[in-house]
């Protein structure tokens, strides 16, 4: 704990409460060091802890930033996958209903492609809806029946691009 010979020391005066002075004196005696060496060691340790805390805060901010970048990328990917899944699920849902309906009324369709085109159109419309509107669609008998009728061939409003 002794100062290096080449390092120039500067003397300071520190006033301590009596109890703290006695505790320091007892601690120095137990360690077989001078009180000055103990005080220097405590000062060095305190400064190291402060520097360590500042470094931890800096490193923590970098880690948070890196985690945010990673999570944002994954979030965007998951949102894209969920969107695709939503379209496919809605298309499968409407296709299934149309096929079941078609089994009951065989004069409505000429090909499965016609069913699938209309189902995709309804799926895209469904995906663009707000959640509350989508819930209303499925809970409303009239709106749901209109979409089923569109699938059954009641409307010829399918874009050739689908």
Protein backbone atom coordinates (compact mmCIF):
# COMPACT_ATOMS: atom_id res chain seq x y z
CA UNK A 1 0.00 0.00 0.00
CA UNK A 2 3.01 2.30 0.23
CA UNK A 3 3.29 5.07 -2.34
CA UNK A 4 5.61 4.41 -5.22
CA UNK A 5 8.96 6.20 -4.81
CA UNK A 6 8.61 8.04 -8.15
CA UNK A 7 5.13 9.34 -7.40
CA UNK A 8 5.01 12.73 -5.69
CA UNK A 9 2.67 12.84 -2.69
CA UNK A 10 0.58 15.81 -1.58
CA UNK A 11 -0.44 16.12 2.02
CA UNK A 12 -4.05 16.84 3.02
CA UNK A 13 -5.80 17.14 6.34
CA UNK A 14 -8.96 15.20 7.05
CA UNK A 15 -11.13 15.62 10.13
CA UNK A 16 -13.06 12.58 11.32
CA UNK A 17 -15.59 12.04 14.08
CA UNK A 18 -13.97 10.46 17.17
CA UNK A 19 -15.73 7.08 16.68
CA UNK A 20 -14.65 6.90 13.06
CA UNK A 21 -11.06 7.83 14.01
CA UNK A 22 -10.97 5.08 16.66
CA UNK A 23 -12.39 2.52 14.25
CA UNK A 24 -9.80 3.53 11.62
CA UNK A 25 -6.99 3.32 14.18
CA UNK A 26 -8.15 -0.14 15.29
CA UNK A 27 -8.49 -1.33 11.68
CA UNK A 28 -4.97 -0.08 10.78
CA UNK A 29 -3.49 -1.85 13.80
CA UNK A 30 -5.26 -5.09 12.90
CA UNK A 31 -3.88 -4.89 9.34
CA UNK A 32 -0.40 -3.82 10.56
CA UNK A 33 -0.50 -0.74 8.34
CA UNK A 34 -0.31 2.97 9.00
CA UNK A 35 -3.51 4.96 9.19
CA UNK A 36 -2.30 6.95 6.14
CA UNK A 37 -1.96 3.76 4.10
CA UNK A 38 -5.46 2.65 5.16
CA UNK A 39 -6.98 6.04 4.28
CA UNK A 40 -5.21 6.04 0.87
CA UNK A 41 -6.48 2.51 0.20
CA UNK A 42 -10.05 3.49 1.14
CA UNK A 43 -9.88 6.57 -1.09
CA UNK A 44 -8.55 4.50 -4.00
CA UNK A 45 -11.21 1.86 -3.46
CA UNK A 46 -13.97 4.49 -3.30
CA UNK A 47 -12.76 6.12 -6.50
CA UNK A 48 -12.57 2.72 -8.22
CA UNK A 49 -16.12 1.91 -7.18
CA UNK A 50 -17.32 5.26 -8.56
CA UNK A 51 -15.48 4.68 -11.86
CA UNK A 52 -16.83 1.13 -12.00
CA UNK A 53 -20.37 2.40 -11.48
CA UNK A 54 -19.97 4.93 -14.30
CA UNK A 55 -18.57 2.20 -16.59
CA UNK A 56 -21.43 -0.13 -15.70
CA UNK A 57 -23.96 2.61 -16.55
CA UNK A 58 -22.22 3.22 -19.90
CA UNK A 59 -22.01 -0.51 -20.71
CA UNK A 60 -25.62 -1.02 -19.62
CA UNK A 61 -26.80 1.71 -22.01
CA UNK A 62 -24.89 0.07 -24.88
CA UNK A 63 -26.37 -3.34 -24.05
CA UNK A 64 -29.88 -1.88 -23.87
CA UNK A 65 -29.37 -0.22 -27.25
CA UNK A 66 -28.14 -3.47 -28.83
CA UNK A 67 -31.03 -5.45 -27.33
CA UNK A 68 -33.51 -2.87 -28.63
CA UNK A 69 -32.07 -3.12 -32.15
CA UNK A 70 -32.28 -6.91 -32.03
CA UNK A 71 -35.81 -6.93 -30.61
CA UNK A 72 -37.04 -4.31 -33.09
CA UNK A 73 -35.77 -6.43 -35.98
CA UNK A 74 -37.40 -9.54 -34.58
CA UNK A 75 -40.62 -7.65 -33.85
CA UNK A 76 -40.84 -6.46 -37.44
CA UNK A 77 -40.17 -9.97 -38.71
CA UNK A 78 -42.79 -11.45 -36.37
CA UNK A 79 -45.32 -8.80 -37.41
CA UNK A 80 -44.72 -9.68 -41.06
CA UNK A 81 -45.08 -13.38 -40.38
CA UNK A 82 -48.23 -12.81 -38.36
CA UNK A 83 -49.67 -10.74 -41.18
CA UNK A 84 -48.97 -13.48 -43.70
CA UNK A 85 -50.41 -16.07 -41.33
CA UNK A 86 -53.53 -13.95 -40.92
CA UNK A 87 -54.07 -13.79 -44.68
CA UNK A 88 -53.57 -17.52 -45.10
CA UNK A 89 -55.81 -18.32 -42.13
CA UNK A 90 -58.60 -16.11 -43.40
CA UNK A 91 -58.27 -17.54 -46.90
CA UNK A 92 -58.40 -21.08 -45.52
CA UNK A 93 -61.39 -20.19 -43.39
CA UNK A 94 -63.36 -18.70 -46.24
CA UNK A 95 -62.27 -21.46 -48.65
CA UNK A 96 -63.41 -24.14 -46.25
CA UNK A 97 -66.79 -22.51 -45.80
CA UNK A 98 -67.12 -22.04 -49.56
CA UNK A 99 -66.27 -25.69 -50.21
CA UNK A 100 -68.79 -26.84 -47.65
CA UNK A 101 -71.35 -24.48 -49.14
CA UNK A 102 -70.44 -25.68 -52.62
CA UNK A 103 -71.07 -29.26 -51.60
CA UNK A 104 -74.59 -28.24 -50.71
CA UNK A 105 -75.20 -26.13 -53.86
CA UNK A 106 -73.20 -27.54 -56.78
CA UNK A 107 -74.51 -25.03 -59.35
CA UNK A 108 -72.60 -22.07 -57.84
CA UNK A 109 -68.99 -22.69 -58.98
CA UNK A 110 -67.26 -23.94 -62.08
CA UNK A 111 -63.77 -24.40 -60.56
CA UNK A 112 -61.97 -24.44 -57.24
CA UNK A 113 -59.83 -21.54 -58.58
CA UNK A 114 -62.92 -19.35 -58.54
CA UNK A 115 -63.54 -20.21 -54.88
CA UNK A 116 -59.90 -19.60 -54.00
CA UNK A 117 -59.77 -16.19 -55.75
CA UNK A 118 -62.82 -14.96 -53.88
CA UNK A 119 -61.51 -16.38 -50.60
CA UNK A 120 -58.19 -14.51 -51.05
CA UNK A 121 -60.03 -11.28 -51.76
CA UNK A 122 -62.08 -11.66 -48.60
CA UNK A 123 -58.93 -12.59 -46.64
CA UNK A 124 -57.17 -9.39 -47.74
CA UNK A 125 -60.23 -7.33 -46.86
CA UNK A 126 -60.33 -9.06 -43.49
CA UNK A 127 -56.65 -8.41 -42.85
CA UNK A 128 -57.08 -4.69 -43.53
CA UNK A 129 -59.89 -4.43 -40.97
CA UNK A 130 -59.37 -3.10 -37.50
CA UNK A 131 -59.67 -5.78 -34.85
CA UNK A 132 -63.03 -4.46 -33.64
CA UNK A 133 -64.42 -4.43 -37.19
CA UNK A 134 -63.21 -7.99 -37.76
CA UNK A 135 -64.93 -9.09 -34.56
CA UNK A 136 -68.14 -7.37 -35.65
CA UNK A 137 -67.95 -9.16 -39.01
CA UNK A 138 -67.80 -12.58 -37.41
CA UNK A 139 -70.38 -11.76 -34.79
CA UNK A 140 -72.82 -10.16 -37.23
CA UNK A 141 -74.97 -12.70 -38.99
CA UNK A 142 -75.86 -10.33 -41.84
CA UNK A 143 -72.31 -9.22 -42.73
CA UNK A 144 -71.05 -12.77 -42.43
CA UNK A 145 -73.83 -14.07 -44.67
CA UNK A 146 -73.01 -11.38 -47.26
CA UNK A 147 -69.42 -12.58 -47.40
CA UNK A 148 -70.55 -16.20 -47.66
CA UNK A 149 -72.86 -15.18 -50.50
CA UNK A 150 -69.91 -13.51 -52.24
CA UNK A 151 -68.01 -16.79 -51.95
CA UNK A 152 -70.95 -18.84 -53.15
CA UNK A 153 -70.99 -16.83 -56.39
CA UNK A 154 -73.50 -14.14 -55.51
CA UNK A 155 -71.10 -11.33 -56.51
CA UNK A 156 -68.70 -11.31 -59.44
CA UNK A 157 -66.39 -8.75 -57.86
CA UNK A 158 -63.10 -10.66 -57.90
CA UNK A 159 -60.18 -8.79 -59.45
CA UNK A 160 -58.33 -10.75 -62.16
CA UNK A 161 -55.09 -9.81 -60.37
CA UNK A 162 -55.94 -12.06 -57.43
